[in-house]
Every structure is written in structure tokens, then in C-alpha cells.
């Protein structure tokens, strides 16, 4: 009598010569039990792949957000610099305006003359 080798664990299984239906039934159930495991592995692989895609997408979005933050910081710094330059130029314009006004008032060329009242 040749004993069948159980493929799962490599051990021999005793079966009676009278009825080998139990062996066949057990082999079928063993295959059925392995099928869900295979399906579970495939499902787990799909979930892992999906998780990997989500992780890559999150990483890409985080990098994009960080890049945008740096760009915003740079733009804010430029706006602040332009505001400071604008205030400085306004102040210089006021000083120059006052200087020109003082020069004009000190010069006899720009003195207002009331020629109409003198002629009458």
C-alpha cells in the first residue's frame, strides 16, 4: 500500500483501502482553505499597493505645499522690501519738495509780483 503524501506539510496520511472518499474530501477542503489565503494575499497586496500610492500622493502633496509655503515666504519678503523702499522714497520726496519750496521762496526770480495793482 502506497501512502499519499500530504502536500501542505510533507507528511503521509493514512487512509483505508475501503474508502478513499475521505481523503479526496480532505484534499478538496484543503484546496478550498488555501484559496481564501491566496485571495487574502492578493487583497493584501492590492491594499499595500493602494497604501503605497496614497503614501506617494501624500508625499507629493506635502512637498508641493512646502514649495508653495517657501514661495509665499519669498513673496512676502519682497512685498516688505518694496513697502520699505516706498516709504523711503516718499520721505525723500517730501524732503526734496520742501527743499525746492525753500529755494523758490528764497529766490527773487520766483517771488510773486503784483503787477496789476501797481499799474492801476
PDB file of N, CA and C in Angstrom:
ATOM      1  N   UNK A   1       0.840  -1.177   0.000  1.00  0.00           N
ATOM      2  CA  UNK A   1       0.000   0.000   0.000  1.00  0.00           C
ATOM      3  C   UNK A   1       0.887   1.244   0.000  1.00  0.00           C
ATOM      4  N   UNK A   2       0.592   2.169  -0.916  1.00  0.00           N
ATOM      5  CA  UNK A   2       1.353   3.393  -1.008  1.00  0.00           C
ATOM      6  C   UNK A   2       0.598   4.499  -0.301  1.00  0.00           C
ATOM      7  N   UNK A   3       1.246   5.160   0.601  1.00  0.00           N
ATOM      8  CA  UNK A   3       0.588   6.227   1.353  1.00  0.00           C
ATOM      9  C   UNK A   3       0.747   7.540   0.605  1.00  0.00           C
ATOM     10  N   UNK A   4      -0.358   8.293   0.459  1.00  0.00           N
ATOM     11  CA  UNK A   4      -0.250   9.589  -0.234  1.00  0.00           C
ATOM     12  C   UNK A   4       0.478  10.617   0.637  1.00  0.00           C
ATOM     13  N   UNK A   5       1.218  11.430  -0.022  1.00  0.00           N
ATOM     14  CA  UNK A   5       1.970  12.489   0.653  1.00  0.00           C
ATOM     15  C   UNK A   5       1.103  13.728   0.720  1.00  0.00           C
ATOM     16  N   UNK A   6       0.900  14.245   1.931  1.00  0.00           N
ATOM     17  CA  UNK A   6       0.126  15.466   2.102  1.00  0.00           C
ATOM     18  C   UNK A   6       1.017  16.626   1.655  1.00  0.00           C
ATOM     19  N   UNK A   7       0.566  17.397   0.671  1.00  0.00           N
ATOM     20  CA  UNK A   7       1.385  18.442   0.061  1.00  0.00           C
ATOM     21  C   UNK A   7       1.639  19.615   0.999  1.00  0.00           C
ATOM     22  N   UNK A   8       0.762  19.848   1.909  1.00  0.00           N
ATOM     23  CA  UNK A   8       0.911  21.024   2.770  1.00  0.00           C
ATOM     24  C   UNK A   8       2.089  20.901   3.714  1.00  0.00           C
ATOM     25  N   UNK A   9       2.150  19.791   4.435  1.00  0.00           N
ATOM     26  CA  UNK A   9       3.215  19.720   5.438  1.00  0.00           C
ATOM     27  C   UNK A   9       4.208  18.594   5.161  1.00  0.00           C
ATOM     28  N   UNK A  10       4.050  17.879   4.053  1.00  0.00           N
ATOM     29  CA  UNK A  10       5.013  16.855   3.682  1.00  0.00           C
ATOM     30  C   UNK A  10       4.892  15.579   4.488  1.00  0.00           C
ATOM     31  N   UNK A  11       3.801  15.349   5.206  1.00  0.00           N
ATOM     32  CA  UNK A  11       3.636  14.121   5.983  1.00  0.00           C
ATOM     33  C   UNK A  11       2.726  13.157   5.229  1.00  0.00           C
ATOM     34  N   UNK A  12       2.821  11.896   5.614  1.00  0.00           N
ATOM     35  CA  UNK A  12       1.971  10.888   4.996  1.00  0.00           C
ATOM     36  C   UNK A  12       0.648  10.805   5.731  1.00  0.00           C
ATOM     37  N   UNK A  13      -0.399  10.520   4.982  1.00  0.00           N
ATOM     38  CA  UNK A  13      -1.720  10.408   5.567  1.00  0.00           C
ATOM     39  C   UNK A  13      -2.184   8.954   5.444  1.00  0.00           C
ATOM     40  N   UNK A  14      -2.661   8.417   6.528  1.00  0.00           N
ATOM     41  CA  UNK A  14      -3.190   7.051   6.492  1.00  0.00           C
ATOM     42  C   UNK A  14      -4.628   7.085   5.996  1.00  0.00           C
ATOM     43  N   UNK A  15      -4.897   6.278   5.009  1.00  0.00           N
ATOM     44  CA  UNK A  15      -6.273   6.144   4.547  1.00  0.00           C
ATOM     45  C   UNK A  15      -6.589   4.666   4.397  1.00  0.00           C
ATOM     46  N   UNK A  16      -7.823   4.356   4.607  1.00  0.00           N
ATOM     47  CA  UNK A  16      -8.205   2.947   4.473  1.00  0.00           C
ATOM     48  C   UNK A  16      -8.398   2.633   3.004  1.00  0.00           C
ATOM     49  N   UNK A  17      -8.155   1.367   2.664  1.00  0.00           N
ATOM     50  CA  UNK A  17      -8.327   0.944   1.285  1.00  0.00           C
ATOM     51  C   UNK A  17      -9.795   0.879   0.909  1.00  0.00           C
ATOM     52  N   UNK A  18     -10.616   0.722   1.893  1.00  0.00           N
ATOM     53  CA  UNK A  18     -12.042   0.548   1.624  1.00  0.00           C
ATOM     54  C   UNK A  18     -12.665   1.839   1.109  1.00  0.00           C
ATOM     55  N   UNK A  19     -12.287   2.963   1.681  1.00  0.00           N
ATOM     56  CA  UNK A  19     -12.965   4.202   1.307  1.00  0.00           C
ATOM     57  C   UNK A  19     -11.947   5.341   1.246  1.00  0.00           C
ATOM     58  N   UNK A  20     -11.629   5.790   0.044  1.00  0.00           N
ATOM     59  CA  UNK A  20     -10.701   6.898  -0.077  1.00  0.00           C
ATOM     60  C   UNK A  20     -11.435   8.216  -0.330  1.00  0.00           C
ATOM     61  N   UNK A  21     -12.745   8.222  -0.159  1.00  0.00           N
ATOM     62  CA  UNK A  21     -13.518   9.449  -0.360  1.00  0.00           C
ATOM     63  C   UNK A  21     -13.182  10.488   0.705  1.00  0.00           C
ATOM     64  N   UNK A  22     -12.859  10.011   1.889  1.00  0.00           N
ATOM     65  CA  UNK A  22     -12.482  10.957   2.944  1.00  0.00           C
ATOM     66  C   UNK A  22     -11.205  11.692   2.565  1.00  0.00           C
ATOM     67  N   UNK A  23     -10.259  10.970   1.983  1.00  0.00           N
ATOM     68  CA  UNK A  23      -9.012  11.583   1.550  1.00  0.00           C
ATOM     69  C   UNK A  23      -9.279  12.633   0.473  1.00  0.00           C
ATOM     70  N   UNK A  24     -10.097  12.261  -0.505  1.00  0.00           N
ATOM     71  CA  UNK A  24     -10.424  13.198  -1.581  1.00  0.00           C
ATOM     72  C   UNK A  24     -11.132  14.425  -1.017  1.00  0.00           C
ATOM     73  N   UNK A  25     -12.053  14.182  -0.088  1.00  0.00           N
ATOM     74  CA  UNK A  25     -12.797  15.284   0.518  1.00  0.00           C
ATOM     75  C   UNK A  25     -11.842  16.205   1.261  1.00  0.00           C
ATOM     76  N   UNK A  26     -10.909  15.599   1.981  1.00  0.00           N
ATOM     77  CA  UNK A  26      -9.968  16.398   2.738  1.00  0.00           C
ATOM     78  C   UNK A  26      -9.043  17.183   1.815  1.00  0.00           C
ATOM     79  N   UNK A  27      -8.649  16.615   0.702  1.00  0.00           N
ATOM     80  CA  UNK A  27      -7.802  17.312  -0.255  1.00  0.00           C
ATOM     81  C   UNK A  27      -8.555  18.488  -0.868  1.00  0.00           C
ATOM     82  N   UNK A  28      -9.845  18.276  -1.188  1.00  0.00           N
ATOM     83  CA  UNK A  28     -10.637  19.366  -1.742  1.00  0.00           C
ATOM     84  C   UNK A  28     -10.787  20.483  -0.718  1.00  0.00           C
ATOM     85  N   UNK A  29     -11.100  20.112   0.520  1.00  0.00           N
ATOM     86  CA  UNK A  29     -11.264  21.144   1.548  1.00  0.00           C
ATOM     87  C   UNK A  29      -9.943  21.857   1.800  1.00  0.00           C
ATOM     88  N   UNK A  30      -8.846  21.133   1.675  1.00  0.00           N
ATOM     89  CA  UNK A  30      -7.544  21.755   1.845  1.00  0.00           C
ATOM     90  C   UNK A  30      -7.317  22.791   0.755  1.00  0.00           C
ATOM     91  N   UNK A  31      -7.689  22.471  -0.478  1.00  0.00           N
ATOM     92  CA  UNK A  31      -7.547  23.425  -1.570  1.00  0.00           C
ATOM     93  C   UNK A  31      -8.468  24.609  -1.366  1.00  0.00           C
ATOM     94  N   UNK A  32      -9.671  24.346  -0.879  1.00  0.00           N
ATOM     95  CA  UNK A  32     -10.625  25.420  -0.627  1.00  0.00           C
ATOM     96  C   UNK A  32     -10.095  26.325   0.467  1.00  0.00           C
ATOM     97  N   UNK A  33      -9.453  25.721   1.482  1.00  0.00           N
ATOM     98  CA  UNK A  33      -8.898  26.530   2.564  1.00  0.00           C
ATOM     99  C   UNK A  33      -7.738  27.392   2.074  1.00  0.00           C
ATOM    100  N   UNK A  34      -6.969  26.869   1.113  1.00  0.00           N
ATOM    101  CA  UNK A  34      -5.855  27.636   0.591  1.00  0.00           C
ATOM    102  C   UNK A  34      -6.323  28.763  -0.322  1.00  0.00           C
ATOM    103  N   UNK A  35      -7.434  28.586  -0.983  1.00  0.00           N
ATOM    104  CA  UNK A  35      -7.938  29.602  -1.901  1.00  0.00           C
ATOM    105  C   UNK A  35      -8.198  30.922  -1.180  1.00  0.00           C
ATOM    106  N   UNK A  36      -8.898  30.911  -0.030  1.00  0.00           N
ATOM    107  CA  UNK A  36      -9.086  32.194   0.653  1.00  0.00           C
ATOM    108  C   UNK A  36      -7.762  32.819   1.072  1.00  0.00           C
ATOM    109  N   UNK A  37      -6.786  31.997   1.448  1.00  0.00           N
ATOM    110  CA  UNK A  37      -5.487  32.529   1.824  1.00  0.00           C
ATOM    111  C   UNK A  37      -4.857  33.234   0.630  1.00  0.00           C
ATOM    112  N   UNK A  38      -4.962  32.600  -0.537  1.00  0.00           N
ATOM    113  CA  UNK A  38      -4.424  33.206  -1.749  1.00  0.00           C
ATOM    114  C   UNK A  38      -5.171  34.496  -2.054  1.00  0.00           C
ATOM    115  N   UNK A  39      -6.500  34.461  -1.894  1.00  0.00           N
ATOM    116  CA  UNK A  39      -7.287  35.653  -2.137  1.00  0.00           C
ATOM    117  C   UNK A  39      -6.933  36.732  -1.127  1.00  0.00           C
ATOM    118  N   UNK A  40      -6.735  36.315   0.123  1.00  0.00           N
ATOM    119  CA  UNK A  40      -6.370  37.291   1.145  1.00  0.00           C
ATOM    120  C   UNK A  40      -5.023  37.917   0.818  1.00  0.00           C
ATOM    121  N   UNK A  41      -4.070  37.088   0.339  1.00  0.00           N
ATOM    122  CA  UNK A  41      -2.760  37.619  -0.033  1.00  0.00           C
ATOM    123  C   UNK A  41      -2.885  38.610  -1.182  1.00  0.00           C
ATOM    124  N   UNK A  42      -3.730  38.273  -2.171  1.00  0.00           N
ATOM    125  CA  UNK A  42      -3.940  39.181  -3.295  1.00  0.00           C
ATOM    126  C   UNK A  42      -4.594  40.467  -2.815  1.00  0.00           C
ATOM    127  N   UNK A  43      -5.584  40.319  -1.918  1.00  0.00           N
ATOM    128  CA  UNK A  43      -6.244  41.505  -1.368  1.00  0.00           C
ATOM    129  C   UNK A  43      -5.251  42.359  -0.582  1.00  0.00           C
ATOM    130  N   UNK A  44      -4.408  41.684   0.196  1.00  0.00           N
ATOM    131  CA  UNK A  44      -3.416  42.415   0.986  1.00  0.00           C
ATOM    132  C   UNK A  44      -2.420  43.113   0.076  1.00  0.00           C
ATOM    133  N   UNK A  45      -2.029  42.439  -1.017  1.00  0.00           N
ATOM    134  CA  UNK A  45      -1.122  43.069  -1.970  1.00  0.00           C
ATOM    135  C   UNK A  45      -1.779  44.300  -2.589  1.00  0.00           C
ATOM    136  N   UNK A  46      -3.058  44.181  -2.925  1.00  0.00           N
ATOM    137  CA  UNK A  46      -3.787  45.311  -3.504  1.00  0.00           C
ATOM    138  C   UNK A  46      -3.877  46.453  -2.497  1.00  0.00           C
ATOM    139  N   UNK A  47      -4.144  46.117  -1.245  1.00  0.00           N
ATOM    140  CA  UNK A  47      -4.237  47.143  -0.194  1.00  0.00           C
ATOM    141  C   UNK A  47      -2.870  47.799   0.003  1.00  0.00           C
ATOM    142  N   UNK A  48      -1.806  46.983  -0.001  1.00  0.00           N
ATOM    143  CA  UNK A  48      -0.462  47.541   0.159  1.00  0.00           C
ATOM    144  C   UNK A  48      -0.106  48.446  -1.008  1.00  0.00           C
ATOM    145  N   UNK A  49      -0.475  48.024  -2.217  1.00  0.00           N
ATOM    146  CA  UNK A  49      -0.213  48.855  -3.394  1.00  0.00           C
ATOM    147  C   UNK A  49      -1.003  50.160  -3.307  1.00  0.00           C
ATOM    148  N   UNK A  50      -2.249  50.053  -2.862  1.00  0.00           N
ATOM    149  CA  UNK A  50      -3.077  51.248  -2.711  1.00  0.00           C
ATOM    150  C   UNK A  50      -2.492  52.172  -1.641  1.00  0.00           C
ATOM    151  N   UNK A  51      -2.048  51.572  -0.540  1.00  0.00           N
ATOM    152  CA  UNK A  51      -1.423  52.361   0.523  1.00  0.00           C
ATOM    153  C   UNK A  51      -0.147  53.034   0.015  1.00  0.00           C
ATOM    154  N   UNK A  52       0.620  52.322  -0.802  1.00  0.00           N
ATOM    155  CA  UNK A  52       1.847  52.876  -1.362  1.00  0.00           C
ATOM    156  C   UNK A  52       1.514  54.065  -2.263  1.00  0.00           C
ATOM    157  N   UNK A  53       0.470  53.909  -3.085  1.00  0.00           N
ATOM    158  CA  UNK A  53       0.053  55.006  -3.966  1.00  0.00           C
ATOM    159  C   UNK A  53      -0.404  56.201  -3.133  1.00  0.00           C
ATOM    160  N   UNK A  54      -1.191  55.937  -2.081  1.00  0.00           N
ATOM    161  CA  UNK A  54      -1.649  57.016  -1.206  1.00  0.00           C
ATOM    162  C   UNK A  54      -0.470  57.707  -0.530  1.00  0.00           C
ATOM    163  N   UNK A  55       0.494  56.920  -0.085  1.00  0.00           N
ATOM    164  CA  UNK A  55       1.674  57.483   0.577  1.00  0.00           C
ATOM    165  C   UNK A  55       2.463  58.361  -0.395  1.00  0.00           C
ATOM    166  N   UNK A  56       2.635  57.884  -1.624  1.00  0.00           N
ATOM    167  CA  UNK A  56       3.342  58.676  -2.626  1.00  0.00           C
ATOM    168  C   UNK A  56       2.588  59.961  -2.931  1.00  0.00           C
ATOM    169  N   UNK A  57       1.258  59.871  -3.017  1.00  0.00           N
ATOM    170  CA  UNK A  57       0.440  61.056  -3.288  1.00  0.00           C
ATOM    171  C   UNK A  57       0.544  62.050  -2.132  1.00  0.00           C
ATOM    172  N   UNK A  58       0.491  61.539  -0.903  1.00  0.00           N
ATOM    173  CA  UNK A  58       0.622  62.412   0.267  1.00  0.00           C
ATOM    174  C   UNK A  58       1.990  63.096   0.273  1.00  0.00           C
ATOM    175  N   UNK A  59       3.026  62.333  -0.026  1.00  0.00           N
ATOM    176  CA  UNK A  59       4.380  62.879  -0.058  1.00  0.00           C
ATOM    177  C   UNK A  59       4.487  63.961  -1.119  1.00  0.00           C
ATOM    178  N   UNK A  60       3.911  63.703  -2.305  1.00  0.00           N
ATOM    179  CA  UNK A  60       3.937  64.682  -3.378  1.00  0.00           C
ATOM    180  C   UNK A  60       3.200  65.959  -2.960  1.00  0.00           C
ATOM    181  N   UNK A  61       2.034  65.791  -2.329  1.00  0.00           N
ATOM    182  CA  UNK A  61       1.259  66.947  -1.897  1.00  0.00           C
ATOM    183  C   UNK A  61       1.979  67.735  -0.804  1.00  0.00           C
ATOM    184  N   UNK A  62       2.599  67.027   0.124  1.00  0.00           N
ATOM    185  CA  UNK A  62       3.349  67.693   1.191  1.00  0.00           C
ATOM    186  C   UNK A  62       4.497  68.505   0.598  1.00  0.00           C
ATOM    187  N   UNK A  63       5.220  67.904  -0.356  1.00  0.00           N
ATOM    188  CA  UNK A  63       6.318  68.631  -0.999  1.00  0.00           C
ATOM    189  C   UNK A  63       5.801  69.851  -1.752  1.00  0.00           C
ATOM    190  N   UNK A  64       4.654  69.696  -2.404  1.00  0.00           N
ATOM    191  CA  UNK A  64       4.066  70.823  -3.133  1.00  0.00           C
ATOM    192  C   UNK A  64       3.658  71.935  -2.160  1.00  0.00           C
ATOM    193  N   UNK A  65       3.064  71.568  -1.034  1.00  0.00           N
ATOM    194  CA  UNK A  65       2.664  72.556  -0.030  1.00  0.00           C
ATOM    195  C   UNK A  65       3.894  73.274   0.521  1.00  0.00           C
ATOM    196  N   UNK A  66       4.943  72.521   0.805  1.00  0.00           N
ATOM    197  CA  UNK A  66       6.171  73.139   1.325  1.00  0.00           C
ATOM    198  C   UNK A  66       6.771  74.098   0.301  1.00  0.00           C
ATOM    199  N   UNK A  67       6.760  73.705  -0.956  1.00  0.00           N
ATOM    200  CA  UNK A  67       7.281  74.583  -2.006  1.00  0.00           C
ATOM    201  C   UNK A  67       6.448  75.860  -2.098  1.00  0.00           C
ATOM    202  N   UNK A  68       5.139  75.714  -2.021  1.00  0.00           N
ATOM    203  CA  UNK A  68       4.269  76.888  -2.064  1.00  0.00           C
ATOM    204  C   UNK A  68       4.481  77.782  -0.848  1.00  0.00           C
ATOM    205  N   UNK A  69       4.713  77.181   0.311  1.00  0.00           N
ATOM    206  CA  UNK A  69       4.987  77.971   1.515  1.00  0.00           C
ATOM    207  C   UNK A  69       6.266  78.788   1.350  1.00  0.00           C
ATOM    208  N   UNK A  70       7.295  78.149   0.794  1.00  0.00           N
ATOM    209  CA  UNK A  70       8.553  78.871   0.579  1.00  0.00           C
ATOM    210  C   UNK A  70       8.357  80.005  -0.429  1.00  0.00           C
ATOM    211  N   UNK A  71       7.584  79.732  -1.466  1.00  0.00           N
ATOM    212  CA  UNK A  71       7.302  80.775  -2.450  1.00  0.00           C
ATOM    213  C   UNK A  71       6.552  81.934  -1.804  1.00  0.00           C
ATOM    214  N   UNK A  72       5.577  81.604  -0.953  1.00  0.00           N
ATOM    215  CA  UNK A  72       4.823  82.643  -0.253  1.00  0.00           C
ATOM    216  C   UNK A  72       5.722  83.455   0.668  1.00  0.00           C
ATOM    217  N   UNK A  73       6.623  82.789   1.368  1.00  0.00           N
ATOM    218  CA  UNK A  73       7.565  83.491   2.234  1.00  0.00           C
ATOM    219  C   UNK A  73       8.438  84.444   1.422  1.00  0.00           C
ATOM    220  N   UNK A  74       8.917  83.967   0.259  1.00  0.00           N
ATOM    221  CA  UNK A  74       9.742  84.812  -0.605  1.00  0.00           C
ATOM    222  C   UNK A  74       8.958  86.028  -1.092  1.00  0.00           C
ATOM    223  N   UNK A  75       7.720  85.801  -1.499  1.00  0.00           N
ATOM    224  CA  UNK A  75       6.890  86.911  -1.975  1.00  0.00           C
ATOM    225  C   UNK A  75       6.595  87.903  -0.852  1.00  0.00           C
ATOM    226  N   UNK A  76       6.340  87.398   0.340  1.00  0.00           N
ATOM    227  CA  UNK A  76       6.089  88.278   1.486  1.00  0.00           C
ATOM    228  C   UNK A  76       7.315  89.132   1.788  1.00  0.00           C
ATOM    229  N   UNK A  77       8.489  88.522   1.716  1.00  0.00           N
ATOM    230  CA  UNK A  77       9.725  89.263   1.959  1.00  0.00           C
ATOM    231  C   UNK A  77       9.905  90.345   0.892  1.00  0.00           C
ATOM    232  N   UNK A  78       9.587  90.016  -0.356  1.00  0.00           N
ATOM    233  CA  UNK A  78       9.711  91.003  -1.423  1.00  0.00           C
ATOM    234  C   UNK A  78       8.720  92.154  -1.220  1.00  0.00           C
ATOM    235  N   UNK A  79       7.497  91.830  -0.806  1.00  0.00           N
ATOM    236  CA  UNK A  79       6.486  92.866  -0.554  1.00  0.00           C
ATOM    237  C   UNK A  79       6.960  93.777   0.571  1.00  0.00           C
ATOM    238  N   UNK A  80       7.494  93.201   1.634  1.00  0.00           N
ATOM    239  CA  UNK A  80       8.005  94.011   2.751  1.00  0.00           C
ATOM    240  C   UNK A  80       9.136  94.927   2.283  1.00  0.00           C
ATOM    241  N   UNK A  81      10.032  94.393   1.443  1.00  0.00           N
ATOM    242  CA  UNK A  81      11.141  95.207   0.939  1.00  0.00           C
ATOM    243  C   UNK A  81      10.621  96.357   0.077  1.00  0.00           C
ATOM    244  N   UNK A  82       9.636  96.080  -0.750  1.00  0.00           N
ATOM    245  CA  UNK A  82       9.061  97.128  -1.603  1.00  0.00           C
ATOM    246  C   UNK A  82       8.355  98.180  -0.755  1.00  0.00           C
ATOM    247  N   UNK A  83       7.656  97.751   0.298  1.00  0.00           N
ATOM    248  CA  UNK A  83       6.997  98.716   1.190  1.00  0.00           C
ATOM    249  C   UNK A  83       8.026  99.634   1.844  1.00  0.00           C
ATOM    250  N   UNK A  84       9.117  99.049   2.319  1.00  0.00           N
ATOM    251  CA  UNK A  84      10.168  99.854   2.948  1.00  0.00           C
ATOM    252  C   UNK A  84      10.764 100.844   1.947  1.00  0.00           C
ATOM    253  N   UNK A  85      11.027 100.370   0.738  1.00  0.00           N
ATOM    254  CA  UNK A  85      11.585 101.238  -0.302  1.00  0.00           C
ATOM    255  C   UNK A  85      10.604 102.357  -0.638  1.00  0.00           C
ATOM    256  N   UNK A  86       9.321 102.040  -0.698  1.00  0.00           N
ATOM    257  CA  UNK A  86       8.282 103.032  -0.984  1.00  0.00           C
ATOM    258  C   UNK A  86       8.247 104.112   0.105  1.00  0.00           C
ATOM    259  N   UNK A  87       8.282 103.698   1.370  1.00  0.00           N
ATOM    260  CA  UNK A  87       8.292 104.670   2.469  1.00  0.00           C
ATOM    261  C   UNK A  87       9.532 105.552   2.410  1.00  0.00           C
ATOM    262  N   UNK A  88      10.673 104.950   2.088  1.00  0.00           N
ATOM    263  CA  UNK A  88      11.923 105.703   1.996  1.00  0.00           C
ATOM    264  C   UNK A  88      11.831 106.741   0.876  1.00  0.00           C
ATOM    265  N   UNK A  89      11.300 106.336  -0.274  1.00  0.00           N
ATOM    266  CA  UNK A  89      11.172 107.268  -1.396  1.00  0.00           C
ATOM    267  C   UNK A  89      10.164 108.380  -1.107  1.00  0.00           C
ATOM    268  N   UNK A  90       9.080 108.043  -0.421  1.00  0.00           N
ATOM    269  CA  UNK A  90       8.106 109.084  -0.040  1.00  0.00           C
ATOM    270  C   UNK A  90       8.764 110.118   0.864  1.00  0.00           C
ATOM    271  N   UNK A  91       9.530 109.631   1.819  1.00  0.00           N
ATOM    272  CA  UNK A  91      10.216 110.532   2.736  1.00  0.00           C
ATOM    273  C   UNK A  91      11.210 111.417   1.977  1.00  0.00           C
ATOM    274  N   UNK A  92      11.965 110.823   1.056  1.00  0.00           N
ATOM    275  CA  UNK A  92      12.915 111.599   0.265  1.00  0.00           C
ATOM    276  C   UNK A  92      12.187 112.627  -0.609  1.00  0.00           C
ATOM    277  N   UNK A  93      11.053 112.237  -1.165  1.00  0.00           N
ATOM    278  CA  UNK A  93      10.272 113.179  -1.982  1.00  0.00           C
ATOM    279  C   UNK A  93       9.787 114.362  -1.154  1.00  0.00           C
ATOM    280  N   UNK A  94       9.361 114.097   0.070  1.00  0.00           N
ATOM    281  CA  UNK A  94       8.919 115.199   0.945  1.00  0.00           C
ATOM    282  C   UNK A  94      10.080 116.143   1.241  1.00  0.00           C
ATOM    283  N   UNK A  95      11.241 115.573   1.523  1.00  0.00           N
ATOM    284  CA  UNK A  95      12.421 116.396   1.812  1.00  0.00           C
ATOM    285  C   UNK A  95      12.781 117.227   0.585  1.00  0.00           C
ATOM    286  N   UNK A  96      12.806 116.581  -0.585  1.00  0.00           N
ATOM    287  CA  UNK A  96      13.132 117.308  -1.816  1.00  0.00           C
ATOM    288  C   UNK A  96      12.080 118.378  -2.125  1.00  0.00           C
ATOM    289  N   UNK A  97      10.822 118.061  -1.909  1.00  0.00           N
ATOM    290  CA  UNK A  97       9.753 119.038  -2.128  1.00  0.00           C
ATOM    291  C   UNK A  97       9.922 120.256  -1.228  1.00  0.00           C
ATOM    292  N   UNK A  98      10.221 120.014   0.028  1.00  0.00           N
ATOM    293  CA  UNK A  98      10.434 121.105   0.977  1.00  0.00           C
ATOM    294  C   UNK A  98      11.665 121.919   0.581  1.00  0.00           C
ATOM    295  N   UNK A  99      12.722 121.268   0.156  1.00  0.00           N
ATOM    296  CA  UNK A  99      13.951 121.942  -0.262  1.00  0.00           C
ATOM    297  C   UNK A  99      13.692 122.847  -1.464  1.00  0.00           C
ATOM    298  N   UNK A 100      12.961 122.304  -2.457  1.00  0.00           N
ATOM    299  CA  UNK A 100      12.638 123.086  -3.653  1.00  0.00           C
ATOM    300  C   UNK A 100      11.759 124.281  -3.282  1.00  0.00           C
ATOM    301  N   UNK A 101      10.830 124.058  -2.413  1.00  0.00           N
ATOM    302  CA  UNK A 101       9.954 125.159  -1.964  1.00  0.00           C
ATOM    303  C   UNK A 101      10.761 126.245  -1.264  1.00  0.00           C
ATOM    304  N   UNK A 102      11.683 125.857  -0.430  1.00  0.00           N
ATOM    305  CA  UNK A 102      12.541 126.826   0.264  1.00  0.00           C
ATOM    306  C   UNK A 102      13.412 127.599  -0.731  1.00  0.00           C
ATOM    307  N   UNK A 103      13.957 126.905  -1.722  1.00  0.00           N
ATOM    308  CA  UNK A 103      14.774 127.576  -2.734  1.00  0.00           C
ATOM    309  C   UNK A 103      13.942 128.581  -3.530  1.00  0.00           C
ATOM    310  N   UNK A 104      12.741 128.194  -3.870  1.00  0.00           N
ATOM    311  CA  UNK A 104      11.888 129.079  -4.655  1.00  0.00           C
ATOM    312  C   UNK A 104      11.504 130.325  -3.852  1.00  0.00           C
ATOM    313  N   UNK A 105      11.244 130.140  -2.572  1.00  0.00           N
ATOM    314  CA  UNK A 105      10.858 131.294  -1.760  1.00  0.00           C
ATOM    315  C   UNK A 105      12.051 132.210  -1.502  1.00  0.00           C
ATOM    316  N   UNK A 106      13.262 131.666  -1.499  1.00  0.00           N
ATOM    317  CA  UNK A 106      14.451 132.476  -1.261  1.00  0.00           C
ATOM    318  C   UNK A 106      14.905 133.198  -2.524  1.00  0.00           C
ATOM    319  N   UNK A 107      14.532 132.744  -3.665  1.00  0.00           N
ATOM    320  CA  UNK A 107      14.983 133.334  -4.925  1.00  0.00           C
ATOM    321  C   UNK A 107      14.053 134.459  -5.346  1.00  0.00           C
ATOM    322  N   UNK A 108      14.634 135.544  -5.835  1.00  0.00           N
ATOM    323  CA  UNK A 108      13.819 136.668  -6.271  1.00  0.00           C
ATOM    324  C   UNK A 108      13.145 136.384  -7.605  1.00  0.00           C
ATOM    325  N   UNK A 109      13.632 135.447  -8.334  1.00  0.00           N
ATOM    326  CA  UNK A 109      13.038 135.108  -9.626  1.00  0.00           C
ATOM    327  C   UNK A 109      11.645 134.546  -9.428  1.00  0.00           C
ATOM    328  N   UNK A 110      11.466 133.810  -8.360  1.00  0.00           N
ATOM    329  CA  UNK A 110      10.175 133.162  -8.138  1.00  0.00           C
ATOM    330  C   UNK A 110       9.266 133.946  -7.201  1.00  0.00           C
ATOM    331  N   UNK A 111       9.695 135.152  -6.851  1.00  0.00           N
ATOM    332  CA  UNK A 111       8.850 135.982  -6.000  1.00  0.00           C
ATOM    333  C   UNK A 111       7.623 136.407  -6.786  1.00  0.00           C
ATOM    334  N   UNK A 112       6.491 136.377  -6.155  1.00  0.00           N
ATOM    335  CA  UNK A 112       5.277 136.800  -6.839  1.00  0.00           C
ATOM    336  C   UNK A 112       5.247 138.316  -6.902  1.00  0.00           C
ATOM    337  N   UNK A 113       4.959 138.791  -8.049  1.00  0.00           N
ATOM    338  CA  UNK A 113       4.842 140.247  -8.219  1.00  0.00           C
ATOM    339  C   UNK A 113       3.406 140.581  -8.525  1.00  0.00           C
ATOM    340  N   UNK A 114       2.957 141.623  -7.903  1.00  0.00           N
ATOM    341  CA  UNK A 114       1.577 142.044  -8.105  1.00  0.00           C
ATOM    342  C   UNK A 114       1.586 143.204  -9.083  1.00  0.00           C
ATOM    343  N   UNK A 115       1.787 142.903 -10.347  1.00  0.00           N
ATOM    344  CA  UNK A 115       1.915 143.926 -11.369  1.00  0.00           C
ATOM    345  C   UNK A 115       0.599 144.631 -11.664  1.00  0.00           C
ATOM    346  N   UNK A 116      -0.492 143.981 -11.496  1.00  0.00           N
ATOM    347  CA  UNK A 116      -1.797 144.572 -11.799  1.00  0.00           C
ATOM    348  C   UNK A 116      -2.114 145.704 -10.821  1.00  0.00           C
ATOM    349  N   UNK A 117      -1.797 145.498  -9.561  1.00  0.00           N
ATOM    350  CA  UNK A 117      -2.124 146.521  -8.578  1.00  0.00           C
ATOM    351  C   UNK A 117      -1.213 147.744  -8.738  1.00  0.00           C
ATOM    352  N   UNK A 118       0.030 147.578  -9.179  1.00  0.00           N
ATOM    353  CA  UNK A 118       0.942 148.696  -9.346  1.00  0.00           C
ATOM    354  C   UNK A 118       0.572 149.538 -10.569  1.00  0.00           C
ATOM    355  N   UNK A 119       0.033 148.928 -11.594  1.00  0.00           N
ATOM    356  CA  UNK A 119      -0.325 149.665 -12.796  1.00  0.00           C
ATOM    357  C   UNK A 119      -1.551 150.512 -12.577  1.00  0.00           C
ATOM    358  N   UNK A 120      -2.431 150.167 -11.757  1.00  0.00           N
ATOM    359  CA  UNK A 120      -3.661 150.928 -11.567  1.00  0.00           C
ATOM    360  C   UNK A 120      -3.441 152.125 -10.771  1.00  0.00           C
TER     361      UNK A 120
END
